[in-house]
C-alpha atoms as a PDB file:
ATOM      1  CA  MET A   1      98.997 113.759  80.201  1.00  0.00           C
ATOM      2  CA  LEU A   2      97.899 110.925  82.850  1.00  0.00           C
ATOM      3  CA  PHE A   3      97.341 111.860  86.382  1.00  0.00           C
ATOM      4  CA  SER A   4      97.481 109.291  89.430  1.00  0.00           C
ATOM      5  CA  MET A   5      95.109 109.325  92.226  1.00  0.00           C
ATOM      6  CA  THR A   6      97.765 109.116  94.696  1.00  0.00           C
ATOM      7  CA  GLY A   7      99.435 112.330  95.995  1.00  0.00           C
ATOM      8  CA  PHE A   8     100.618 114.739  98.823  1.00  0.00           C
ATOM      9  CA  ALA A   9     101.084 118.186  99.479  1.00  0.00           C
ATOM     10  CA  ARG A  10     101.787 120.662 102.392  1.00  0.00           C
ATOM     11  CA  CYS A  11     102.118 124.327 102.147  1.00  0.00           C
ATOM     12  CA  GLU A  12     102.116 126.823 105.057  1.00  0.00           C
ATOM     13  CA  SER A  13     102.004 130.728 104.839  1.00  0.00           C
ATOM     14  CA  SER A  14     101.825 133.230 107.937  1.00  0.00           C
ATOM     15  CA  GLY A  15     101.356 136.872 108.388  1.00  0.00           C
ATOM     16  CA  GLU A  16      99.870 139.421 110.983  1.00  0.00           C
ATOM     17  CA  TYR A  17      96.618 137.315 111.266  1.00  0.00           C
ATOM     18  CA  GLY A  18      98.809 133.837 112.266  1.00  0.00           C
ATOM     19  CA  SER A  19     100.412 130.961 110.448  1.00  0.00           C
ATOM     20  CA  LEU A  20      98.229 128.338 108.388  1.00  0.00           C
ATOM     21  CA  VAL A  21      99.292 125.018 106.923  1.00  0.00           C
ATOM     22  CA  TRP A  22      97.287 122.957 104.665  1.00  0.00           C
ATOM     23  CA  GLU A  23      98.289 119.220 104.123  1.00  0.00           C
ATOM     24  CA  LEU A  24      96.259 117.337 101.092  1.00  0.00           C
ATOM     25  CA  ARG A  25      96.483 113.386 101.021  1.00  0.00           C
ATOM     26  CA  SER A  26      94.869 111.882  97.937  1.00  0.00           C
ATOM     27  CA  VAL A  27      94.502 107.946  97.502  1.00  0.00           C
ATOM     28  CA  ASN A  28      92.554 105.954  94.710  1.00  0.00           C
ATOM     29  CA  HIS A  29      88.579 106.226  94.804  1.00  0.00           C
ATOM     30  CA  ARG A  30      86.100 105.456  92.455  1.00  0.00           C
ATOM     31  CA  TYR A  31      84.696 108.860  92.583  1.00  0.00           C
ATOM     32  CA  LEU A  32      85.843 112.312  93.950  1.00  0.00           C
ATOM     33  CA  GLU A  33      85.198 112.259  97.634  1.00  0.00           C
ATOM     34  CA  ILE A  34      86.518 115.050  99.621  1.00  0.00           C
ATOM     35  CA  SER A  35      87.054 115.153 103.448  1.00  0.00           C
ATOM     36  CA  PRO A  36      87.937 118.450 104.521  1.00  0.00           C
ATOM     37  CA  ARG A  37      88.847 119.323 108.262  1.00  0.00           C
ATOM     38  CA  LEU A  38      88.905 123.077 109.040  1.00  0.00           C
ATOM     39  CA  PRO A  39      89.411 125.037 112.491  1.00  0.00           C
ATOM     40  CA  GLU A  40      85.969 125.717 113.946  1.00  0.00           C
ATOM     41  CA  GLU A  41      86.395 129.665 113.169  1.00  0.00           C
ATOM     42  CA  LEU A  42      87.071 128.980 109.520  1.00  0.00           C
ATOM     43  CA  ARG A  43      84.413 126.331 109.165  1.00  0.00           C
ATOM     44  CA  GLY A  44      82.230 128.352 106.863  1.00  0.00           C
ATOM     45  CA  LEU A  45      84.790 127.862 104.297  1.00  0.00           C
ATOM     46  CA  GLU A  46      84.326 124.437 103.688  1.00  0.00           C
ATOM     47  CA  GLY A  47      82.016 125.084 100.466  1.00  0.00           C
ATOM     48  CA  LYS A  48      84.347 126.975  98.818  1.00  0.00           C
ATOM     49  CA  VAL A  49      86.958 124.431  99.651  1.00  0.00           C
ATOM     50  CA  ARG A  50      85.233 121.964  97.937  1.00  0.00           C
ATOM     51  CA  GLU A  51      84.494 123.970  94.938  1.00  0.00           C
ATOM     52  CA  ARG A  52      88.239 124.613  94.351  1.00  0.00           C
ATOM     53  CA  ILE A  53      89.239 120.656  94.934  1.00  0.00           C
ATOM     54  CA  GLN A  54      86.325 119.751  92.587  1.00  0.00           C
ATOM     55  CA  ALA A  55      87.534 121.960  89.889  1.00  0.00           C
ATOM     56  CA  ARG A  56      91.078 120.872  89.756  1.00  0.00           C
ATOM     57  CA  LEU A  57      90.431 117.151  90.469  1.00  0.00           C
ATOM     58  CA  GLY A  58      88.448 114.413  88.871  1.00  0.00           C
ATOM     59  CA  ARG A  59      88.699 111.203  91.076  1.00  0.00           C
ATOM     60  CA  GLY A  60      90.290 110.050  94.414  1.00  0.00           C
ATOM     61  CA  LYS A  61      89.750 110.131  97.944  1.00  0.00           C
ATOM     62  CA  VAL A  62      91.252 113.852  99.315  1.00  0.00           C
ATOM     63  CA  GLU A  63      91.945 114.260 102.603  1.00  0.00           C
ATOM     64  CA  CYS A  64      92.210 118.032 103.469  1.00  0.00           C
ATOM     65  CA  ASN A  65      93.724 118.939 106.764  1.00  0.00           C
ATOM     66  CA  LEU A  66      93.702 122.898 107.889  1.00  0.00           C
ATOM     67  CA  ARG A  67      95.877 124.025 110.817  1.00  0.00           C
ATOM     68  CA  PHE A  68      95.422 127.557 111.943  1.00  0.00           C
ATOM     69  CA  ARG A  69      96.959 129.196 114.671  1.00  0.00           C
ATOM     70  CA  ARG A  70      96.259 133.128 115.516  1.00  0.00           C
ATOM     71  CA  GLY A  71      98.915 135.779 115.487  1.00  0.00           C
ATOM     72  CA  ALA A  72     100.701 136.952 118.789  1.00  0.00           C
ATOM     73  CA  ALA A  73      98.987 140.440 118.675  1.00  0.00           C
ATOM     74  CA  ASP A  74      95.637 138.405 119.134  1.00  0.00           C
ATOM     75  CA  GLN A  75      97.165 136.430 122.120  1.00  0.00           C
ATOM     76  CA  ASP A  76      98.857 139.287 124.006  1.00  0.00           C
ATOM     77  CA  SER A  77      95.902 140.192 126.106  1.00  0.00           C
ATOM     78  CA  ILE A  78      93.689 138.039 127.984  1.00  0.00           C
ATOM     79  CA  GLU A  79      90.103 139.052 128.949  1.00  0.00           C
ATOM     80  CA  LEU A  80      88.296 137.272 131.939  1.00  0.00           C
ATOM     81  CA  ASN A  81      84.694 136.587 132.222  1.00  0.00           C
ATOM     82  CA  ASP A  82      84.946 137.603 135.900  1.00  0.00           C
ATOM     83  CA  GLU A  83      81.287 136.749 137.137  1.00  0.00           C
ATOM     84  CA  LEU A  84      81.571 133.282 135.487  1.00  0.00           C
ATOM     85  CA  ALA A  85      84.708 132.279 137.049  1.00  0.00           C
ATOM     86  CA  LYS A  86      83.886 133.359 140.467  1.00  0.00           C
ATOM     87  CA  GLU A  87      80.571 131.501 139.827  1.00  0.00           C
ATOM     88  CA  VAL A  88      82.263 128.227 138.775  1.00  0.00           C
ATOM     89  CA  ILE A  89      84.746 128.479 141.809  1.00  0.00           C
ATOM     90  CA  SER A  90      81.616 128.740 143.917  1.00  0.00           C
ATOM     91  CA  THR A  91      80.014 125.887 142.744  1.00  0.00           C
ATOM     92  CA  VAL A  92      83.012 123.789 142.577  1.00  0.00           C
ATOM     93  CA  VAL A  93      83.666 124.520 146.421  1.00  0.00           C
ATOM     94  CA  ARG A  94      80.095 123.993 147.166  1.00  0.00           C
ATOM     95  CA  VAL A  95      80.007 120.429 145.427  1.00  0.00           C
ATOM     96  CA  GLU A  96      83.219 119.430 147.256  1.00  0.00           C
ATOM     97  CA  HIS A  97      81.508 118.973 150.384  1.00  0.00           C
ATOM     98  CA  TRP A  98      79.353 116.273 149.121  1.00  0.00           C
ATOM     99  CA  MET A  99      82.485 114.194 147.755  1.00  0.00           C
ATOM    100  CA  MET A 100      84.878 111.914 149.430  1.00  0.00           C
ATOM    101  CA  ASN A 101      88.219 112.855 148.538  1.00  0.00           C
ATOM    102  CA  ALA A 102      87.115 115.029 145.573  1.00  0.00           C
ATOM    103  CA  ALA A 103      90.274 116.566 143.484  1.00  0.00           C
ATOM    104  CA  ARG A 104      91.446 119.968 144.179  1.00  0.00           C
ATOM    105  CA  MET A 105      90.434 122.057 141.114  1.00  0.00           C
ATOM    106  CA  THR A 106      93.369 124.527 139.772  1.00  0.00           C
ATOM    107  CA  ALA A 107      93.581 127.892 138.516  1.00  0.00           C
ATOM    108  CA  MET A 108      94.070 126.493 135.044  1.00  0.00           C
ATOM    109  CA  ASP A 109      91.043 124.541 135.312  1.00  0.00           C
ATOM    110  CA  ILE A 110      89.327 127.247 135.960  1.00  0.00           C
ATOM    111  CA  LEU A 111      90.762 128.900 132.996  1.00  0.00           C
ATOM    112  CA  ARG A 112      89.706 126.211 130.636  1.00  0.00           C
ATOM    113  CA  TRP A 113      86.144 126.346 131.624  1.00  0.00           C
ATOM    114  CA  PRO A 114      84.167 127.538 128.508  1.00  0.00           C
ATOM    115  CA  GLY A 115      83.713 131.218 128.474  1.00  0.00           C
ATOM    116  CA  VAL A 116      85.805 132.142 131.312  1.00  0.00           C
ATOM    117  CA  VAL A 117      88.264 133.165 128.952  1.00  0.00           C
ATOM    118  CA  ILE A 118      86.794 135.466 126.256  1.00  0.00           C
ATOM    119  CA  GLU A 119      88.530 135.009 123.014  1.00  0.00           C
ATOM    120  CA  PRO A 120      89.224 138.726 121.529  1.00  0.00           C
ATOM    121  CA  GLU A 121      87.437 139.260 118.168  1.00  0.00           C
ATOM    122  CA  GLN A 122      89.338 138.958 114.998  1.00  0.00           C
ATOM    123  CA  ASP A 123      88.815 140.096 111.662  1.00  0.00           C
ATOM    124  CA  LEU A 124      88.666 136.860 110.107  1.00  0.00           C
ATOM    125  CA  GLN A 125      88.367 138.225 106.133  1.00  0.00           C
ATOM    126  CA  PRO A 126      92.529 138.323 105.881  1.00  0.00           C
ATOM    127  CA  VAL A 127      92.391 134.645 107.073  1.00  0.00           C
ATOM    128  CA  MET A 128      89.923 133.470 104.897  1.00  0.00           C
ATOM    129  CA  THR A 129      91.509 134.998 101.857  1.00  0.00           C
ATOM    130  CA  ALA A 130      94.907 133.613 102.806  1.00  0.00           C
ATOM    131  CA  THR A 131      93.647 130.244 103.278  1.00  0.00           C
ATOM    132  CA  LEU A 132      91.988 129.880 100.013  1.00  0.00           C
ATOM    133  CA  ASP A 133      94.970 131.349  97.981  1.00  0.00           C
ATOM    134  CA  LEU A 134      97.240 128.808 100.212  1.00  0.00           C
ATOM    135  CA  LEU A 135      94.880 126.107  99.049  1.00  0.00           C
ATOM    136  CA  ASP A 136      95.379 127.156  95.584  1.00  0.00           C
ATOM    137  CA  GLU A 137      99.064 126.693  96.272  1.00  0.00           C
ATOM    138  CA  ALA A 138      98.818 123.264  97.687  1.00  0.00           C
ATOM    139  CA  LEU A 139      96.280 122.038  94.877  1.00  0.00           C
ATOM    140  CA  THR A 140      98.805 123.054  92.429  1.00  0.00           C
ATOM    141  CA  THR A 141     101.376 121.177  94.206  1.00  0.00           C
ATOM    142  CA  LEU A 142      99.358 118.157  94.486  1.00  0.00           C
ATOM    143  CA  VAL A 143      98.744 118.131  90.660  1.00  0.00           C
ATOM    144  CA  GLU A 144     102.067 118.252  89.925  1.00  0.00           C
ATOM    145  CA  ASN A 145     102.852 115.497  92.254  1.00  0.00           C
ATOM    146  CA  ARG A 146     100.025 113.260  90.701  1.00  0.00           C
ATOM    147  CA  GLY A 147     100.665 114.143  87.442  1.00  0.00           C
ATOM    148  CA  ARG A 148     104.439 113.104  87.854  1.00  0.00           C
ATOM    149  CA  GLU A 149     103.332 109.847  89.115  1.00  0.00           C
ATOM    150  CA  GLY A 150     101.080 109.235  86.371  1.00  0.00           C
ATOM    151  CA  ALA A 151     103.789 109.985  83.763  1.00  0.00           C
ATOM    152  CA  HIS A 152     105.564 106.888  85.633  1.00  0.00           C
ATOM    153  CA  ILE A 153     102.419 104.970  85.052  1.00  0.00           C
ATOM    154  CA  LYS A 154     102.528 105.662  81.636  1.00  0.00           C
ATOM    155  CA  ALA A 155     105.677 104.812  80.838  1.00  0.00           C
ATOM    156  CA  LEU A 156     104.868 101.497  82.462  1.00  0.00           C
ATOM    157  CA  LEU A 157     101.740 100.831  80.357  1.00  0.00           C
ATOM    158  CA  GLN A 158     103.797 101.736  77.112  1.00  0.00           C
ATOM    159  CA  ALA A 159     106.145  99.020  78.051  1.00  0.00           C
ATOM    160  CA  ARG A 160     103.596  96.590  78.697  1.00  0.00           C
ATOM    161  CA  CYS A 161     101.946  97.518  75.358  1.00  0.00           C
ATOM    162  CA  ASP A 162     104.774  96.773  73.617  1.00  0.00           C
ATOM    163  CA  ALA A 163     105.293  93.348  75.064  1.00  0.00           C
ATOM    164  CA  ILE A 164     101.673  92.430  74.139  1.00  0.00           C
ATOM    165  CA  ALA A 165     102.123  93.335  70.804  1.00  0.00           C
ATOM    166  CA  GLU A 166     105.586  91.238  70.923  1.00  0.00           C
ATOM    167  CA  GLN A 167     103.408  87.958  72.209  1.00  0.00           C
ATOM    168  CA  VAL A 168     101.014  88.449  69.530  1.00  0.00           C
ATOM    169  CA  ALA A 169     103.263  88.836  66.572  1.00  0.00           C
ATOM    170  CA  ARG A 170     104.946  85.644  68.015  1.00  0.00           C
ATOM    171  CA  VAL A 171     101.690  83.781  68.080  1.00  0.00           C
ATOM    172  CA  ARG A 172     100.804  84.887  64.509  1.00  0.00           C
ATOM    173  CA  GLU A 173     104.145  84.035  62.736  1.00  0.00           C
ATOM    174  CA  ARG A 174     103.564  80.509  64.444  1.00  0.00           C
ATOM    175  CA  ARG A 175     100.161  79.525  63.326  1.00  0.00           C
ATOM    176  CA  PRO A 176     101.155  78.157  59.802  1.00  0.00           C
ATOM    177  CA  ARG A 177     103.604  75.776  61.490  1.00  0.00           C
ATOM    178  CA  VAL A 178     100.734  74.899  63.876  1.00  0.00           C
ATOM    179  CA  VAL A 179      97.959  74.167  61.291  1.00  0.00           C
ATOM    180  CA  GLU A 180     100.774  71.996  59.648  1.00  0.00           C
ATOM    181  CA  ALA A 181     101.890  69.905  62.761  1.00  0.00           C
ATOM    182  CA  LEU A 182      98.295  69.511  63.372  1.00  0.00           C
ATOM    183  CA  ARG A 183      97.895  68.163  59.582  1.00  0.00           C
ATOM    184  CA  GLU A 184     100.880  65.964  60.019  1.00  0.00           C
ATOM    185  CA  ARG A 185      99.307  64.257  63.600  1.00  0.00           C
ATOM    186  CA  VAL A 186      95.941  63.741  61.868  1.00  0.00           C
ATOM    187  CA  ARG A 187      97.995  62.217  58.553  1.00  0.00           C
ATOM    188  CA  SER A 188     100.264  59.994  61.315  1.00  0.00           C
ATOM    189  CA  ARG A 189      96.787  58.698  63.106  1.00  0.00           C
ATOM    190  CA  ILE A 190      95.305  57.310  60.240  1.00  0.00           C
ATOM    191  CA  GLN A 191      98.457  55.430  59.046  1.00  0.00           C
ATOM    192  CA  GLU A 192      98.392  54.088  62.517  1.00  0.00           C
ATOM    193  CA  LEU A 193      94.768  52.903  62.119  1.00  0.00           C
ATOM    194  CA  GLY A 194      95.715  51.407  58.905  1.00  0.00           C
ATOM    195  CA  THR A 195      92.702  53.355  57.487  1.00  0.00           C
ATOM    196  CA  ASP A 196      92.259  54.577  53.947  1.00  0.00           C
ATOM    197  CA  LEU A 197      90.824  57.832  53.867  1.00  0.00           C
ATOM    198  CA  ASP A 198      89.605  59.864  50.784  1.00  0.00           C
ATOM    199  CA  PRO A 199      92.028  62.655  50.061  1.00  0.00           C
ATOM    200  CA  GLY A 200      89.150  65.030  49.818  1.00  0.00           C
ATOM    201  CA  ARG A 201      87.726  63.825  52.960  1.00  0.00           C
ATOM    202  CA  LEU A 202      91.181  64.172  54.829  1.00  0.00           C
ATOM    203  CA  GLU A 203      91.597  67.786  53.619  1.00  0.00           C
ATOM    204  CA  GLN A 204      87.933  68.414  54.844  1.00  0.00           C
ATOM    205  CA  GLU A 205      88.571  67.200  58.294  1.00  0.00           C
ATOM    206  CA  LEU A 206      91.820  69.157  58.568  1.00  0.00           C
ATOM    207  CA  ALA A 207      90.072  72.170  57.518  1.00  0.00           C
ATOM    208  CA  LEU A 208      87.388  71.930  59.814  1.00  0.00           C
ATOM    209  CA  GLN A 209      90.048  71.436  62.793  1.00  0.00           C
ATOM    210  CA  ALA A 210      92.020  74.058  61.591  1.00  0.00           C
ATOM    211  CA  GLN A 211      88.995  76.530  61.680  1.00  0.00           C
ATOM    212  CA  LYS A 212      88.057  75.437  65.261  1.00  0.00           C
ATOM    213  CA  LEU A 213      92.074  76.371  66.534  1.00  0.00           C
ATOM    214  CA  ASP A 214      91.674  79.738  64.439  1.00  0.00           C
ATOM    215  CA  VAL A 215      92.900  82.655  66.389  1.00  0.00           C
ATOM    216  CA  ALA A 216      93.051  85.331  64.008  1.00  0.00           C
ATOM    217  CA  GLU A 217      90.444  87.261  64.968  1.00  0.00           C
ATOM    218  CA  GLU A 218      91.461  87.301  68.658  1.00  0.00           C
ATOM    219  CA  LEU A 219      94.995  88.118  67.347  1.00  0.00           C
ATOM    220  CA  ASP A 220      93.405  91.141  65.514  1.00  0.00           C
ATOM    221  CA  ARG A 221      91.360  92.149  68.316  1.00  0.00           C
ATOM    222  CA  LEU A 222      94.479  92.328  70.783  1.00  0.00           C
ATOM    223  CA  GLU A 223      96.257  94.521  68.525  1.00  0.00           C
ATOM    224  CA  GLY A 224      93.593  96.920  68.004  1.00  0.00           C
ATOM    225  CA  HIS A 225      92.872  97.141  71.622  1.00  0.00           C
ATOM    226  CA  VAL A 226      96.536  97.705  72.311  1.00  0.00           C
ATOM    227  CA  LYS A 227      96.429 100.484  69.746  1.00  0.00           C
ATOM    228  CA  GLU A 228      93.198 102.134  71.362  1.00  0.00           C
ATOM    229  CA  ILE A 229      95.354 101.910  74.790  1.00  0.00           C
ATOM    230  CA  GLN A 230      97.913 103.701  73.292  1.00  0.00           C
ATOM    231  CA  ALA A 231      95.649 106.545  71.785  1.00  0.00           C
ATOM    232  CA  VAL A 232      93.800 106.647  75.260  1.00  0.00           C
ATOM    233  CA  LEU A 233      97.396 107.451  76.752  1.00  0.00           C
ATOM    234  CA  GLU A 234      97.532 110.617  75.043  1.00  0.00           C
ATOM    235  CA  ARG A 235      94.619 111.984  75.725  1.00  0.00           C
ATOM    236  CA  ARG A 236      94.225 115.303  78.255  1.00  0.00           C
ATOM    237  CA  GLU A 237      91.392 113.881  80.220  1.00  0.00           C
ATOM    238  CA  PRO A 238      90.720 111.275  83.019  1.00  0.00           C
ATOM    239  CA  VAL A 239      91.290 107.831  81.441  1.00  0.00           C
ATOM    240  CA  GLY A 240      91.236 105.600  84.235  1.00  0.00           C
ATOM    241  CA  ARG A 241      87.762 103.917  83.529  1.00  0.00           C
ATOM    242  CA  ARG A 242      88.154 103.486  79.963  1.00  0.00           C
ATOM    243  CA  LEU A 243      91.769 101.908  80.305  1.00  0.00           C
ATOM    244  CA  ASP A 244      90.025  99.588  82.948  1.00  0.00           C
ATOM    245  CA  PHE A 245      87.268  98.550  80.246  1.00  0.00           C
ATOM    246  CA  LEU A 246      89.978  97.997  77.664  1.00  0.00           C
ATOM    247  CA  MET A 247      91.981  95.664  80.560  1.00  0.00           C
ATOM    248  CA  GLN A 248      88.588  93.935  80.185  1.00  0.00           C
ATOM    249  CA  GLU A 249      88.620  93.354  76.792  1.00  0.00           C
ATOM    250  CA  LEU A 250      92.350  92.154  76.539  1.00  0.00           C
ATOM    251  CA  ASN A 251      91.799  89.466  78.934  1.00  0.00           C
ATOM    252  CA  ARG A 252      88.712  88.199  77.293  1.00  0.00           C
ATOM    253  CA  GLU A 253      90.452  87.683  73.970  1.00  0.00           C
ATOM    254  CA  ALA A 254      93.794  86.355  76.070  1.00  0.00           C
ATOM    255  CA  ASN A 255      91.502  83.707  77.523  1.00  0.00           C
ATOM    256  CA  THR A 256      90.342  82.877  74.373  1.00  0.00           C
ATOM    257  CA  LEU A 257      93.650  82.292  72.764  1.00  0.00           C
ATOM    258  CA  SER A 258      94.542  80.207  75.763  1.00  0.00           C
ATOM    259  CA  SER A 259      91.316  77.914  75.463  1.00  0.00           C
ATOM    260  CA  LYS A 260      91.919  77.279  71.628  1.00  0.00           C
ATOM    261  CA  SER A 261      95.378  76.938  71.803  1.00  0.00           C
ATOM    262  CA  ASN A 262      96.830  73.457  70.951  1.00  0.00           C
ATOM    263  CA  ASP A 263     100.413  74.070  70.867  1.00  0.00           C
ATOM    264  CA  MET A 264     102.638  74.615  73.796  1.00  0.00           C
ATOM    265  CA  GLU A 265     104.157  77.969  72.849  1.00  0.00           C
ATOM    266  CA  THR A 266     100.705  79.675  71.834  1.00  0.00           C
ATOM    267  CA  THR A 267      99.811  78.656  75.618  1.00  0.00           C
ATOM    268  CA  GLN A 268     102.956  80.012  76.881  1.00  0.00           C
ATOM    269  CA  ALA A 269     102.241  83.217  74.941  1.00  0.00           C
ATOM    270  CA  ALA A 270      98.571  83.184  76.467  1.00  0.00           C
ATOM    271  CA  VAL A 271      99.705  83.041  79.752  1.00  0.00           C
ATOM    272  CA  GLU A 272     102.165  85.699  79.517  1.00  0.00           C
ATOM    273  CA  LEU A 273      99.662  87.818  78.066  1.00  0.00           C
ATOM    274  CA  LYS A 274      97.545  87.421  80.984  1.00  0.00           C
ATOM    275  CA  VAL A 275     100.515  88.303  83.347  1.00  0.00           C
ATOM    276  CA  LEU A 276     101.083  91.503  81.361  1.00  0.00           C
ATOM    277  CA  ILE A 277      97.358  92.489  81.486  1.00  0.00           C
ATOM    278  CA  GLU A 278      97.211  91.908  85.127  1.00  0.00           C
ATOM    279  CA  GLN A 279     100.095  94.012  85.569  1.00  0.00           C
ATOM    280  CA  MET A 280      98.605  96.908  83.541  1.00  0.00           C
ATOM    281  CA  ARG A 281      95.653  96.289  85.371  1.00  0.00           C
ATOM    282  CA  GLU A 282      97.310  96.843  88.879  1.00  0.00           C
ATOM    283  CA  GLN A 283      98.865 100.145  87.368  1.00  0.00           C
ATOM    284  CA  ILE A 284      95.690 101.487  86.003  1.00  0.00           C
ATOM    285  CA  GLN A 285      93.753 101.325  89.324  1.00  0.00           C
ATOM    286  CA  ASN A 286      96.032 104.400  90.436  1.00  0.00           C
ATOM    287  CA  LEU A 287      94.896 106.417  87.503  1.00  0.00           C
ATOM    288  CA  GLU A 288      92.446 109.595  87.734  1.00  0.00           C
END
């Protein structure tokens, strides 16, 4: 089964601890690059988050965003650091005398001052457990989405493989006529020059020209690469790099076929092969 590197998943859960939302987004990348963004109180989970993602994904740039909102029970009571609040107010009043047109500080400004509002202690273990469970759920959704996209890409690649095989078959079927056309051009040219040429020498020259233009080996390799691609598409492992290498090999053979062509239809087939190969290469860049 093929997997795309592109996908998105969003999962959320809630409980007495509050609410959690995971958003996972993955795009193409040469390797697996994980970028987690966690709330400060759950920063200690980053190592486990990376481990779980590495166990499920092979390649791609993965952005992992976690949002956490505390439960209402933790927000009902607000405890103030009275001494710190008074000190902040006293300091503001003192400093205001040194400034021209100083903006007045409000009560909300005082409450936002670090340490004035004492956050109640919370048992984070239930939150951490729920966070990792929800991450597993989000990863399952992400992998399923990447799998569906991979199946679509697989169908496109198989269709292109069939089209390449058709072009190769056309060129192979036409080669005898190409060689015969070459023979007739050489004979016509000799007749135009009015030169007598030994039949043995003529056949030798024709054989030499036909050998230079022979593309049987290139056609065989093209067919072999197509069969290898079709086999790779059935593997249950990341195959993006392997397919990318095979695209290079296909393109090399198509270029050689084009350079050896002395026939318009063969040239057109070579151009069509290059178009198909480029279409495949673009799709393969998305594969894990």
